[in-house]
Amino acid sequence: MSIVKLKDKRTGTTYVYESESYWDKEKKQPRSRRKLIGKLDEKTGEIIPTGKSGRKKGVSGQKEDAGSMEPITEYIRVIEEKDALVRDLKAENRVLKKERQEILQMLNELCRKLTD
């Protein structure tokens, strides 16, 4: 087993993993397993353990006030508009399919009259 340090380019955080190498008999190749140990503190060089579940639940970057609900209500309004548009388009599609079927029936009748 060895210790592997990987830096996340997006956040700049260095994560520390415990790496174990093993032989995969099916694929006949070496493989490795990694287990997250924690984050590396850049200032002290210490490893800060992360919990099993990672980020704590309920922690958010937004404050919970009335202003934070505005984007949600806007998304709901947009979704409702899209749903209405989908319903209208489906109804129009049904009408067009019915008209197409009627035209095909008329063509079939005309072809029968011409061949008789």
PDB file of N, CA and C in Angstrom:
ATOM      1  N   MET A   1       0.830  -1.177   0.000  1.00  0.00           N
ATOM      2  CA  MET A   1       0.000   0.000   0.000  1.00  0.00           C
ATOM      3  C   MET A   1       0.871   1.234   0.000  1.00  0.00           C
ATOM      4  N   SER A   2       0.321   2.259  -0.692  1.00  0.00           N
ATOM      5  CA  SER A   2       1.061   3.511  -0.748  1.00  0.00           C
ATOM      6  C   SER A   2       0.096   4.687  -0.623  1.00  0.00           C
ATOM      7  N   ILE A   3       0.672   5.849  -0.375  1.00  0.00           N
ATOM      8  CA  ILE A   3      -0.108   7.071  -0.237  1.00  0.00           C
ATOM      9  C   ILE A   3       0.040   7.868  -1.532  1.00  0.00           C
ATOM     10  N   VAL A   4      -1.103   8.298  -2.097  1.00  0.00           N
ATOM     11  CA  VAL A   4      -1.113   9.054  -3.347  1.00  0.00           C
ATOM     12  C   VAL A   4      -1.749  10.409  -3.074  1.00  0.00           C
ATOM     13  N   LYS A   5      -1.126  11.475  -3.572  1.00  0.00           N
ATOM     14  CA  LYS A   5      -1.663  12.828  -3.424  1.00  0.00           C
ATOM     15  C   LYS A   5      -2.064  13.329  -4.805  1.00  0.00           C
ATOM     16  N   LEU A   6      -3.325  13.755  -4.937  1.00  0.00           N
ATOM     17  CA  LEU A   6      -3.823  14.284  -6.200  1.00  0.00           C
ATOM     18  C   LEU A   6      -4.410  15.666  -5.979  1.00  0.00           C
ATOM     19  N   LYS A   7      -4.050  16.608  -6.856  1.00  0.00           N
ATOM     20  CA  LYS A   7      -4.540  17.973  -6.722  1.00  0.00           C
ATOM     21  C   LYS A   7      -5.703  18.194  -7.687  1.00  0.00           C
ATOM     22  N   ASP A   8      -6.829  18.682  -7.158  1.00  0.00           N
ATOM     23  CA  ASP A   8      -7.981  19.024  -7.969  1.00  0.00           C
ATOM     24  C   ASP A   8      -7.698  20.376  -8.615  1.00  0.00           C
ATOM     25  N   LYS A   9      -7.628  20.399  -9.953  1.00  0.00           N
ATOM     26  CA  LYS A   9      -7.273  21.629 -10.658  1.00  0.00           C
ATOM     27  C   LYS A   9      -8.347  22.701 -10.534  1.00  0.00           C
ATOM     28  N   ARG A  10      -9.597  22.283 -10.391  1.00  0.00           N
ATOM     29  CA  ARG A  10     -10.687  23.255 -10.304  1.00  0.00           C
ATOM     30  C   ARG A  10     -10.661  24.012  -8.990  1.00  0.00           C
ATOM     31  N   THR A  11     -10.452  23.301  -7.879  1.00  0.00           N
ATOM     32  CA  THR A  11     -10.517  23.933  -6.564  1.00  0.00           C
ATOM     33  C   THR A  11      -9.151  24.197  -5.952  1.00  0.00           C
ATOM     34  N   GLY A  12      -8.131  23.525  -6.449  1.00  0.00           N
ATOM     35  CA  GLY A  12      -6.790  23.676  -5.888  1.00  0.00           C
ATOM     36  C   GLY A  12      -6.578  22.847  -4.636  1.00  0.00           C
ATOM     37  N   THR A  13      -7.544  22.017  -4.273  1.00  0.00           N
ATOM     38  CA  THR A  13      -7.447  21.171  -3.081  1.00  0.00           C
ATOM     39  C   THR A  13      -6.672  19.901  -3.411  1.00  0.00           C
ATOM     40  N   THR A  14      -5.773  19.515  -2.517  1.00  0.00           N
ATOM     41  CA  THR A  14      -5.021  18.277  -2.686  1.00  0.00           C
ATOM     42  C   THR A  14      -5.659  17.189  -1.835  1.00  0.00           C
ATOM     43  N   TYR A  15      -6.058  16.095  -2.484  1.00  0.00           N
ATOM     44  CA  TYR A  15      -6.671  14.971  -1.787  1.00  0.00           C
ATOM     45  C   TYR A  15      -5.639  13.866  -1.605  1.00  0.00           C
ATOM     46  N   VAL A  16      -5.739  13.161  -0.483  1.00  0.00           N
ATOM     47  CA  VAL A  16      -4.797  12.095  -0.159  1.00  0.00           C
ATOM     48  C   VAL A  16      -5.549  10.762  -0.189  1.00  0.00           C
ATOM     49  N   TYR A  17      -5.010   9.813  -0.953  1.00  0.00           N
ATOM     50  CA  TYR A  17      -5.633   8.500  -1.104  1.00  0.00           C
ATOM     51  C   TYR A  17      -4.680   7.412  -0.638  1.00  0.00           C
ATOM     52  N   GLU A  18      -5.239   6.303  -0.180  1.00  0.00           N
ATOM     53  CA  GLU A  18      -4.475   5.103   0.115  1.00  0.00           C
ATOM     54  C   GLU A  18      -4.661   4.195  -1.097  1.00  0.00           C
ATOM     55  N   SER A  19      -3.585   3.847  -1.766  1.00  0.00           N
ATOM     56  CA  SER A  19      -3.653   3.083  -2.997  1.00  0.00           C
ATOM     57  C   SER A  19      -3.118   1.672  -2.784  1.00  0.00           C
ATOM     58  N   GLU A  20      -3.854   0.686  -3.321  1.00  0.00           N
ATOM     59  CA  GLU A  20      -3.442  -0.715  -3.222  1.00  0.00           C
ATOM     60  C   GLU A  20      -3.439  -1.316  -4.623  1.00  0.00           C
ATOM     61  N   SER A  21      -2.344  -1.907  -5.027  1.00  0.00           N
ATOM     62  CA  SER A  21      -2.250  -2.544  -6.336  1.00  0.00           C
ATOM     63  C   SER A  21      -2.549  -4.027  -6.213  1.00  0.00           C
ATOM     64  N   TYR A  22      -3.215  -4.587  -7.248  1.00  0.00           N
ATOM     65  CA  TYR A  22      -3.517  -6.019  -7.269  1.00  0.00           C
ATOM     66  C   TYR A  22      -3.571  -6.488  -8.716  1.00  0.00           C
ATOM     67  N   TRP A  23      -3.527  -7.796  -8.903  1.00  0.00           N
ATOM     68  CA  TRP A  23      -3.544  -8.409 -10.229  1.00  0.00           C
ATOM     69  C   TRP A  23      -4.970  -8.853 -10.560  1.00  0.00           C
ATOM     70  N   ASP A  24      -5.501  -8.363 -11.674  1.00  0.00           N
ATOM     71  CA  ASP A  24      -6.838  -8.748 -12.128  1.00  0.00           C
ATOM     72  C   ASP A  24      -6.689  -9.995 -12.983  1.00  0.00           C
ATOM     73  N   LYS A  25      -7.163 -11.132 -12.480  1.00  0.00           N
ATOM     74  CA  LYS A  25      -6.994 -12.407 -13.187  1.00  0.00           C
ATOM     75  C   LYS A  25      -7.803 -12.452 -14.473  1.00  0.00           C
ATOM     76  N   GLU A  26      -8.989 -11.864 -14.470  1.00  0.00           N
ATOM     77  CA  GLU A  26      -9.837 -11.904 -15.661  1.00  0.00           C
ATOM     78  C   GLU A  26      -9.237 -11.113 -16.811  1.00  0.00           C
ATOM     79  N   LYS A  27      -8.809  -9.894 -16.530  1.00  0.00           N
ATOM     80  CA  LYS A  27      -8.266  -9.033 -17.584  1.00  0.00           C
ATOM     81  C   LYS A  27      -6.759  -9.220 -17.766  1.00  0.00           C
ATOM     82  N   LYS A  28      -6.159  -9.940 -16.841  1.00  0.00           N
ATOM     83  CA  LYS A  28      -4.718 -10.198 -16.874  1.00  0.00           C
ATOM     84  C   LYS A  28      -3.925  -8.890 -16.953  1.00  0.00           C
ATOM     85  N   GLN A  29      -4.304  -7.984 -16.069  1.00  0.00           N
ATOM     86  CA  GLN A  29      -3.648  -6.680 -16.002  1.00  0.00           C
ATOM     87  C   GLN A  29      -3.554  -6.251 -14.546  1.00  0.00           C
ATOM     88  N   PRO A  30      -2.562  -5.431 -14.233  1.00  0.00           N
ATOM     89  CA  PRO A  30      -2.514  -4.883 -12.875  1.00  0.00           C
ATOM     90  C   PRO A  30      -3.589  -3.812 -12.706  1.00  0.00           C
ATOM     91  N   ARG A  31      -4.194  -3.765 -11.561  1.00  0.00           N
ATOM     92  CA  ARG A  31      -5.224  -2.780 -11.235  1.00  0.00           C
ATOM     93  C   ARG A  31      -4.897  -2.173  -9.884  1.00  0.00           C
ATOM     94  N   SER A  32      -5.611  -1.101  -9.553  1.00  0.00           N
ATOM     95  CA  SER A  32      -5.401  -0.498  -8.242  1.00  0.00           C
ATOM     96  C   SER A  32      -6.738  -0.066  -7.651  1.00  0.00           C
ATOM     97  N   ARG A  33      -6.769  -0.086  -6.328  1.00  0.00           N
ATOM     98  CA  ARG A  33      -7.919   0.403  -5.580  1.00  0.00           C
ATOM     99  C   ARG A  33      -7.453   1.617  -4.795  1.00  0.00           C
ATOM    100  N   ARG A  34      -8.295   2.654  -4.753  1.00  0.00           N
ATOM    101  CA  ARG A  34      -7.956   3.836  -3.976  1.00  0.00           C
ATOM    102  C   ARG A  34      -9.039   4.109  -2.959  1.00  0.00           C
ATOM    103  N   LYS A  35      -8.608   4.519  -1.785  1.00  0.00           N
ATOM    104  CA  LYS A  35      -9.536   4.875  -0.728  1.00  0.00           C
ATOM    105  C   LYS A  35      -9.160   6.270  -0.245  1.00  0.00           C
ATOM    106  N   LEU A  36     -10.149   7.177  -0.239  1.00  0.00           N
ATOM    107  CA  LEU A  36      -9.901   8.548   0.183  1.00  0.00           C
ATOM    108  C   LEU A  36      -9.610   8.591   1.678  1.00  0.00           C
ATOM    109  N   ILE A  37      -8.499   9.221   2.017  1.00  0.00           N
ATOM    110  CA  ILE A  37      -8.133   9.399   3.421  1.00  0.00           C
ATOM    111  C   ILE A  37      -8.590  10.779   3.886  1.00  0.00           C
ATOM    112  N   GLY A  38      -8.283  11.805   3.092  1.00  0.00           N
ATOM    113  CA  GLY A  38      -8.671  13.156   3.478  1.00  0.00           C
ATOM    114  C   GLY A  38      -8.051  14.193   2.570  1.00  0.00           C
ATOM    115  N   LYS A  39      -8.077  15.437   3.041  1.00  0.00           N
ATOM    116  CA  LYS A  39      -7.501  16.564   2.307  1.00  0.00           C
ATOM    117  C   LYS A  39      -6.164  16.926   2.938  1.00  0.00           C
ATOM    118  N   LEU A  40      -5.282  17.470   2.126  1.00  0.00           N
ATOM    119  CA  LEU A  40      -3.980  17.902   2.605  1.00  0.00           C
ATOM    120  C   LEU A  40      -4.048  19.389   2.930  1.00  0.00           C
ATOM    121  N   ASP A  41      -3.683  19.754   4.166  1.00  0.00           N
ATOM    122  CA  ASP A  41      -3.624  21.163   4.549  1.00  0.00           C
ATOM    123  C   ASP A  41      -2.327  21.731   4.000  1.00  0.00           C
ATOM    124  N   GLU A  42      -2.443  22.697   3.097  1.00  0.00           N
ATOM    125  CA  GLU A  42      -1.263  23.247   2.417  1.00  0.00           C
ATOM    126  C   GLU A  42      -0.309  23.947   3.387  1.00  0.00           C
ATOM    127  N   LYS A  43      -0.859  24.592   4.408  1.00  0.00           N
ATOM    128  CA  LYS A  43      -0.011  25.364   5.333  1.00  0.00           C
ATOM    129  C   LYS A  43       0.778  24.472   6.284  1.00  0.00           C
ATOM    130  N   THR A  44       0.107  23.493   6.879  1.00  0.00           N
ATOM    131  CA  THR A  44       0.771  22.660   7.889  1.00  0.00           C
ATOM    132  C   THR A  44       1.282  21.340   7.325  1.00  0.00           C
ATOM    133  N   GLY A  45       0.757  20.917   6.175  1.00  0.00           N
ATOM    134  CA  GLY A  45       1.157  19.638   5.604  1.00  0.00           C
ATOM    135  C   GLY A  45       0.448  18.454   6.234  1.00  0.00           C
ATOM    136  N   GLU A  46      -0.526  18.726   7.115  1.00  0.00           N
ATOM    137  CA  GLU A  46      -1.256  17.653   7.778  1.00  0.00           C
ATOM    138  C   GLU A  46      -2.410  17.178   6.905  1.00  0.00           C
ATOM    139  N   ILE A  47      -2.789  15.927   7.127  1.00  0.00           N
ATOM    140  CA  ILE A  47      -3.928  15.356   6.412  1.00  0.00           C
ATOM    141  C   ILE A  47      -5.174  15.574   7.270  1.00  0.00           C
ATOM    142  N   ILE A  48      -6.179  16.257   6.682  1.00  0.00           N
ATOM    143  CA  ILE A  48      -7.438  16.495   7.383  1.00  0.00           C
ATOM    144  C   ILE A  48      -8.418  15.425   6.921  1.00  0.00           C
ATOM    145  N   PRO A  49      -8.819  14.523   7.819  1.00  0.00           N
ATOM    146  CA  PRO A  49      -9.720  13.442   7.397  1.00  0.00           C
ATOM    147  C   PRO A  49     -11.061  13.990   6.921  1.00  0.00           C
ATOM    148  N   THR A  50     -11.582  13.370   5.864  1.00  0.00           N
ATOM    149  CA  THR A  50     -12.925  13.699   5.403  1.00  0.00           C
ATOM    150  C   THR A  50     -13.842  12.594   5.891  1.00  0.00           C
ATOM    151  N   GLY A  51     -15.082  12.945   6.130  1.00  0.00           N
ATOM    152  CA  GLY A  51     -16.038  11.960   6.612  1.00  0.00           C
ATOM    153  C   GLY A  51     -16.345  10.930   5.539  1.00  0.00           C
ATOM    154  N   LYS A  52     -17.005   9.864   5.939  1.00  0.00           N
ATOM    155  CA  LYS A  52     -17.347   8.803   4.988  1.00  0.00           C
ATOM    156  C   LYS A  52     -18.250   9.320   3.886  1.00  0.00           C
ATOM    157  N   SER A  53     -19.123  10.276   4.239  1.00  0.00           N
ATOM    158  CA  SER A  53     -20.090  10.756   3.262  1.00  0.00           C
ATOM    159  C   SER A  53     -19.603  11.991   2.520  1.00  0.00           C
ATOM    160  N   GLY A  54     -18.416  12.483   2.801  1.00  0.00           N
ATOM    161  CA  GLY A  54     -17.912  13.654   2.107  1.00  0.00           C
ATOM    162  C   GLY A  54     -18.472  14.929   2.706  1.00  0.00           C
ATOM    163  N   ARG A  55     -19.000  15.807   1.855  1.00  0.00           N
ATOM    164  CA  ARG A  55     -19.505  17.094   2.289  1.00  0.00           C
ATOM    165  C   ARG A  55     -20.691  16.919   3.240  1.00  0.00           C
ATOM    166  N   LYS A  56     -20.771  17.784   4.232  1.00  0.00           N
ATOM    167  CA  LYS A  56     -21.858  17.723   5.196  1.00  0.00           C
ATOM    168  C   LYS A  56     -23.167  18.097   4.514  1.00  0.00           C
ATOM    169  N   LYS A  57     -24.234  17.394   4.867  1.00  0.00           N
ATOM    170  CA  LYS A  57     -25.540  17.674   4.295  1.00  0.00           C
ATOM    171  C   LYS A  57     -26.117  18.931   4.916  1.00  0.00           C
ATOM    172  N   GLY A  58     -26.872  19.661   4.103  1.00  0.00           N
ATOM    173  CA  GLY A  58     -27.518  20.862   4.600  1.00  0.00           C
ATOM    174  C   GLY A  58     -26.656  22.097   4.466  1.00  0.00           C
ATOM    175  N   VAL A  59     -25.396  21.956   4.122  1.00  0.00           N
ATOM    176  CA  VAL A  59     -24.525  23.107   3.953  1.00  0.00           C
ATOM    177  C   VAL A  59     -24.736  23.626   2.546  1.00  0.00           C
ATOM    178  N   SER A  60     -25.010  24.919   2.440  1.00  0.00           N
ATOM    179  CA  SER A  60     -25.293  25.507   1.143  1.00  0.00           C
ATOM    180  C   SER A  60     -24.568  26.834   1.033  1.00  0.00           C
ATOM    181  N   GLY A  61     -24.286  27.222  -0.172  1.00  0.00           N
ATOM    182  CA  GLY A  61     -23.632  28.498  -0.403  1.00  0.00           C
ATOM    183  C   GLY A  61     -24.607  29.653  -0.329  1.00  0.00           C
ATOM    184  N   GLN A  62     -25.908  29.395  -0.371  1.00  0.00           N
ATOM    185  CA  GLN A  62     -26.910  30.450  -0.344  1.00  0.00           C
ATOM    186  C   GLN A  62     -27.491  30.604   1.051  1.00  0.00           C
ATOM    187  N   LYS A  63     -27.880  31.834   1.360  1.00  0.00           N
ATOM    188  CA  LYS A  63     -28.589  32.078   2.607  1.00  0.00           C
ATOM    189  C   LYS A  63     -30.035  31.675   2.401  1.00  0.00           C
ATOM    190  N   GLU A  64     -30.649  31.228   3.458  1.00  0.00           N
ATOM    191  CA  GLU A  64     -32.043  30.830   3.367  1.00  0.00           C
ATOM    192  C   GLU A  64     -32.924  32.011   3.727  1.00  0.00           C
ATOM    193  N   ASP A  65     -33.199  32.848   2.713  1.00  0.00           N
ATOM    194  CA  ASP A  65     -34.119  33.947   2.909  1.00  0.00           C
ATOM    195  C   ASP A  65     -35.105  33.955   1.751  1.00  0.00           C
ATOM    196  N   ALA A  66     -35.989  34.921   1.745  1.00  0.00           N
ATOM    197  CA  ALA A  66     -37.030  34.965   0.717  1.00  0.00           C
ATOM    198  C   ALA A  66     -36.426  35.174  -0.672  1.00  0.00           C
ATOM    199  N   GLY A  67     -35.287  35.835  -0.756  1.00  0.00           N
ATOM    200  CA  GLY A  67     -34.663  36.098  -2.051  1.00  0.00           C
ATOM    201  C   GLY A  67     -34.152  34.855  -2.735  1.00  0.00           C
ATOM    202  N   SER A  68     -33.804  33.827  -1.962  1.00  0.00           N
ATOM    203  CA  SER A  68     -33.242  32.629  -2.562  1.00  0.00           C
ATOM    204  C   SER A  68     -34.306  31.775  -3.249  1.00  0.00           C
ATOM    205  N   MET A  69     -35.597  32.055  -3.006  1.00  0.00           N
ATOM    206  CA  MET A  69     -36.678  31.295  -3.624  1.00  0.00           C
ATOM    207  C   MET A  69     -37.012  31.817  -5.019  1.00  0.00           C
ATOM    208  N   GLU A  70     -36.557  33.021  -5.366  1.00  0.00           N
ATOM    209  CA  GLU A  70     -36.876  33.602  -6.666  1.00  0.00           C
ATOM    210  C   GLU A  70     -36.430  32.734  -7.839  1.00  0.00           C
ATOM    211  N   PRO A  71     -35.190  32.250  -7.861  1.00  0.00           N
ATOM    212  CA  PRO A  71     -34.797  31.406  -8.998  1.00  0.00           C
ATOM    213  C   PRO A  71     -35.638  30.141  -9.094  1.00  0.00           C
ATOM    214  N   ILE A  72     -36.023  29.575  -7.965  1.00  0.00           N
ATOM    215  CA  ILE A  72     -36.814  28.353  -7.978  1.00  0.00           C
ATOM    216  C   ILE A  72     -38.186  28.619  -8.577  1.00  0.00           C
ATOM    217  N   THR A  73     -38.821  29.699  -8.152  1.00  0.00           N
ATOM    218  CA  THR A  73     -40.141  30.012  -8.708  1.00  0.00           C
ATOM    219  C   THR A  73     -40.048  30.352 -10.180  1.00  0.00           C
ATOM    220  N   GLU A  74     -38.959  30.956 -10.588  1.00  0.00           N
ATOM    221  CA  GLU A  74     -38.759  31.250 -12.021  1.00  0.00           C
ATOM    222  C   GLU A  74     -38.617  29.954 -12.815  1.00  0.00           C
ATOM    223  N   TYR A  75     -37.849  29.005 -12.290  1.00  0.00           N
ATOM    224  CA  TYR A  75     -37.701  27.707 -12.962  1.00  0.00           C
ATOM    225  C   TYR A  75     -39.044  26.983 -13.049  1.00  0.00           C
ATOM    226  N   ILE A  76     -39.824  27.047 -11.984  1.00  0.00           N
ATOM    227  CA  ILE A  76     -41.140  26.399 -11.990  1.00  0.00           C
ATOM    228  C   ILE A  76     -42.025  27.025 -13.055  1.00  0.00           C
ATOM    229  N   ARG A  77     -42.004  28.354 -13.162  1.00  0.00           N
ATOM    230  CA  ARG A  77     -42.800  29.040 -14.185  1.00  0.00           C
ATOM    231  C   ARG A  77     -42.373  28.617 -15.584  1.00  0.00           C
ATOM    232  N   VAL A  78     -41.064  28.539 -15.825  1.00  0.00           N
ATOM    233  CA  VAL A  78     -40.559  28.135 -17.141  1.00  0.00           C
ATOM    234  C   VAL A  78     -40.971  26.693 -17.447  1.00  0.00           C
ATOM    235  N   ILE A  79     -40.897  25.831 -16.457  1.00  0.00           N
ATOM    236  CA  ILE A  79     -41.290  24.428 -16.655  1.00  0.00           C
ATOM    237  C   ILE A  79     -42.771  24.329 -16.990  1.00  0.00           C
ATOM    238  N   GLU A  80     -43.603  25.101 -16.285  1.00  0.00           N
ATOM    239  CA  GLU A  80     -45.038  25.091 -16.573  1.00  0.00           C
ATOM    240  C   GLU A  80     -45.322  25.566 -17.993  1.00  0.00           C
ATOM    241  N   GLU A  81     -44.593  26.601 -18.443  1.00  0.00           N
ATOM    242  CA  GLU A  81     -44.756  27.086 -19.820  1.00  0.00           C
ATOM    243  C   GLU A  81     -44.367  25.996 -20.826  1.00  0.00           C
ATOM    244  N   LYS A  82     -43.267  25.325 -20.547  1.00  0.00           N
ATOM    245  CA  LYS A  82     -42.816  24.255 -21.446  1.00  0.00           C
ATOM    246  C   LYS A  82     -43.822  23.110 -21.477  1.00  0.00           C
ATOM    247  N   ASP A  83     -44.387  22.755 -20.311  1.00  0.00           N
ATOM    248  CA  ASP A  83     -45.400  21.699 -20.256  1.00  0.00           C
ATOM    249  C   ASP A  83     -46.617  22.067 -21.093  1.00  0.00           C
ATOM    250  N   ALA A  84     -47.056  23.335 -20.997  1.00  0.00           N
ATOM    251  CA  ALA A  84     -48.200  23.790 -21.788  1.00  0.00           C
ATOM    252  C   ALA A  84     -47.883  23.715 -23.271  1.00  0.00           C
ATOM    253  N   LEU A  85     -46.677  24.106 -23.655  1.00  0.00           N
ATOM    254  CA  LEU A  85     -46.266  24.044 -25.056  1.00  0.00           C
ATOM    255  C   LEU A  85     -46.254  22.604 -25.553  1.00  0.00           C
ATOM    256  N   VAL A  86     -45.759  21.693 -24.735  1.00  0.00           N
ATOM    257  CA  VAL A  86     -45.721  20.270 -25.099  1.00  0.00           C
ATOM    258  C   VAL A  86     -47.147  19.749 -25.306  1.00  0.00           C
ATOM    259  N   ARG A  87     -48.065  20.109 -24.390  1.00  0.00           N
ATOM    260  CA  ARG A  87     -49.471  19.680 -24.543  1.00  0.00           C
ATOM    261  C   ARG A  87     -50.063  20.191 -25.846  1.00  0.00           C
ATOM    262  N   ASP A  88     -49.811  21.476 -26.165  1.00  0.00           N
ATOM    263  CA  ASP A  88     -50.337  22.054 -27.405  1.00  0.00           C
ATOM    264  C   ASP A  88     -49.765  21.350 -28.634  1.00  0.00           C
ATOM    265  N   LEU A  89     -48.471  21.087 -28.610  1.00  0.00           N
ATOM    266  CA  LEU A  89     -47.833  20.427 -29.748  1.00  0.00           C
ATOM    267  C   LEU A  89     -48.326  18.991 -29.922  1.00  0.00           C
ATOM    268  N   LYS A  90     -48.570  18.306 -28.808  1.00  0.00           N
ATOM    269  CA  LYS A  90     -49.105  16.947 -28.904  1.00  0.00           C
ATOM    270  C   LYS A  90     -50.502  16.958 -29.503  1.00  0.00           C
ATOM    271  N   ALA A  91     -51.333  17.927 -29.100  1.00  0.00           N
ATOM    272  CA  ALA A  91     -52.684  18.038 -29.657  1.00  0.00           C
ATOM    273  C   ALA A  91     -52.613  18.328 -31.155  1.00  0.00           C
ATOM    274  N   GLU A  92     -51.732  19.240 -31.550  1.00  0.00           N
ATOM    275  CA  GLU A  92     -51.567  19.562 -32.974  1.00  0.00           C
ATOM    276  C   GLU A  92     -51.071  18.340 -33.738  1.00  0.00           C
ATOM    277  N   ASN A  93     -50.187  17.581 -33.139  1.00  0.00           N
ATOM    278  CA  ASN A  93     -49.658  16.372 -33.765  1.00  0.00           C
ATOM    279  C   ASN A  93     -50.777  15.356 -34.004  1.00  0.00           C
ATOM    280  N   ARG A  94     -51.680  15.204 -33.020  1.00  0.00           N
ATOM    281  CA  ARG A  94     -52.813  14.276 -33.185  1.00  0.00           C
ATOM    282  C   ARG A  94     -53.696  14.697 -34.357  1.00  0.00           C
ATOM    283  N   VAL A  95     -53.961  16.009 -34.468  1.00  0.00           N
ATOM    284  CA  VAL A  95     -54.787  16.517 -35.567  1.00  0.00           C
ATOM    285  C   VAL A  95     -54.110  16.239 -36.906  1.00  0.00           C
ATOM    286  N   LEU A  96     -52.825  16.505 -36.985  1.00  0.00           N
ATOM    287  CA  LEU A  96     -52.097  16.286 -38.243  1.00  0.00           C
ATOM    288  C   LEU A  96     -52.063  14.812 -38.619  1.00  0.00           C
ATOM    289  N   LYS A  97     -51.905  13.926 -37.645  1.00  0.00           N
ATOM    290  CA  LYS A  97     -51.909  12.490 -37.935  1.00  0.00           C
ATOM    291  C   LYS A  97     -53.271  12.046 -38.454  1.00  0.00           C
ATOM    292  N   LYS A  98     -54.346  12.604 -37.870  1.00  0.00           N
ATOM    293  CA  LYS A  98     -55.694  12.267 -38.313  1.00  0.00           C
ATOM    294  C   LYS A  98     -55.907  12.737 -39.749  1.00  0.00           C
ATOM    295  N   GLU A  99     -55.479  13.971 -40.056  1.00  0.00           N
ATOM    296  CA  GLU A  99     -55.594  14.499 -41.419  1.00  0.00           C
ATOM    297  C   GLU A  99     -54.785  13.651 -42.396  1.00  0.00           C
ATOM    298  N   ARG A 100     -53.600  13.238 -41.996  1.00  0.00           N
ATOM    299  CA  ARG A 100     -52.757  12.400 -42.857  1.00  0.00           C
ATOM    300  C   ARG A 100     -53.461  11.083 -43.166  1.00  0.00           C
ATOM    301  N   GLN A 101     -54.062  10.490 -42.131  1.00  0.00           N
ATOM    302  CA  GLN A 101     -54.765   9.217 -42.318  1.00  0.00           C
ATOM    303  C   GLN A 101     -55.936   9.382 -43.282  1.00  0.00           C
ATOM    304  N   GLU A 102     -56.685  10.492 -43.163  1.00  0.00           N
ATOM    305  CA  GLU A 102     -57.811  10.743 -44.065  1.00  0.00           C
ATOM    306  C   GLU A 102     -57.333  10.905 -45.505  1.00  0.00           C
ATOM    307  N   ILE A 103     -56.210  11.606 -45.696  1.00  0.00           N
ATOM    308  CA  ILE A 103     -55.670  11.799 -47.045  1.00  0.00           C
ATOM    309  C   ILE A 103     -55.222  10.471 -47.639  1.00  0.00           C
ATOM    310  N   LEU A 104     -54.586   9.636 -46.815  1.00  0.00           N
ATOM    311  CA  LEU A 104     -54.164   8.317 -47.298  1.00  0.00           C
ATOM    312  C   LEU A 104     -55.364   7.458 -47.702  1.00  0.00           C
ATOM    313  N   GLN A 105     -56.450   7.534 -46.937  1.00  0.00           N
ATOM    314  CA  GLN A 105     -57.650   6.780 -47.283  1.00  0.00           C
ATOM    315  C   GLN A 105     -58.240   7.256 -48.606  1.00  0.00           C
ATOM    316  N   MET A 106     -58.267   8.591 -48.795  1.00  0.00           N
ATOM    317  CA  MET A 106     -58.780   9.136 -50.064  1.00  0.00           C
ATOM    318  C   MET A 106     -57.907   8.686 -51.223  1.00  0.00           C
ATOM    319  N   LEU A 107     -56.598   8.686 -51.028  1.00  0.00           N
ATOM    320  CA  LEU A 107     -55.686   8.242 -52.099  1.00  0.00           C
ATOM    321  C   LEU A 107     -55.901   6.767 -52.426  1.00  0.00           C
ATOM    322  N   ASN A 108     -56.081   5.951 -51.420  1.00  0.00           N
ATOM    323  CA  ASN A 108     -56.325   4.537 -51.640  1.00  0.00           C
ATOM    324  C   ASN A 108     -57.622   4.316 -52.427  1.00  0.00           C
ATOM    325  N   GLU A 109     -58.682   5.042 -52.060  1.00  0.00           N
ATOM    326  CA  GLU A 109     -59.942   4.949 -52.784  1.00  0.00           C
ATOM    327  C   GLU A 109     -59.805   5.395 -54.241  1.00  0.00           C
ATOM    328  N   LEU A 110     -59.073   6.460 -54.435  1.00  0.00           N
ATOM    329  CA  LEU A 110     -58.852   6.970 -55.792  1.00  0.00           C
ATOM    330  C   LEU A 110     -58.067   5.962 -56.624  1.00  0.00           C
ATOM    331  N   CYS A 111     -57.049   5.348 -56.017  1.00  0.00           N
ATOM    332  CA  CYS A 111     -56.247   4.343 -56.727  1.00  0.00           C
ATOM    333  C   CYS A 111     -57.115   3.127 -57.085  1.00  0.00           C
ATOM    334  N   ARG A 112     -57.996   2.716 -56.199  1.00  0.00           N
ATOM    335  CA  ARG A 112     -58.887   1.586 -56.496  1.00  0.00           C
ATOM    336  C   ARG A 112     -59.828   1.908 -57.645  1.00  0.00           C
ATOM    337  N   LYS A 113     -60.362   3.132 -57.661  1.00  0.00           N
ATOM    338  CA  LYS A 113     -61.263   3.534 -58.745  1.00  0.00           C
ATOM    339  C   LYS A 113     -60.528   3.565 -60.081  1.00  0.00           C
ATOM    340  N   LEU A 114     -59.277   3.999 -60.050  1.00  0.00           N
ATOM    341  CA  LEU A 114     -58.499   4.088 -61.290  1.00  0.00           C
ATOM    342  C   LEU A 114     -58.115   2.722 -61.823  1.00  0.00           C
ATOM    343  N   THR A 115     -57.868   1.775 -60.917  1.00  0.00           N
ATOM    344  CA  THR A 115     -57.460   0.423 -61.364  1.00  0.00           C
ATOM    345  C   THR A 115     -58.656  -0.408 -61.778  1.00  0.00           C
ATOM    346  N   ASP A 116     -59.869  -0.060 -61.362  1.00  0.00           N
ATOM    347  CA  ASP A 116     -61.058  -0.835 -61.744  1.00  0.00           C
ATOM    348  C   ASP A 116     -61.504  -0.524 -63.123  1.00  0.00           C
TER     349      ASP A 116
END
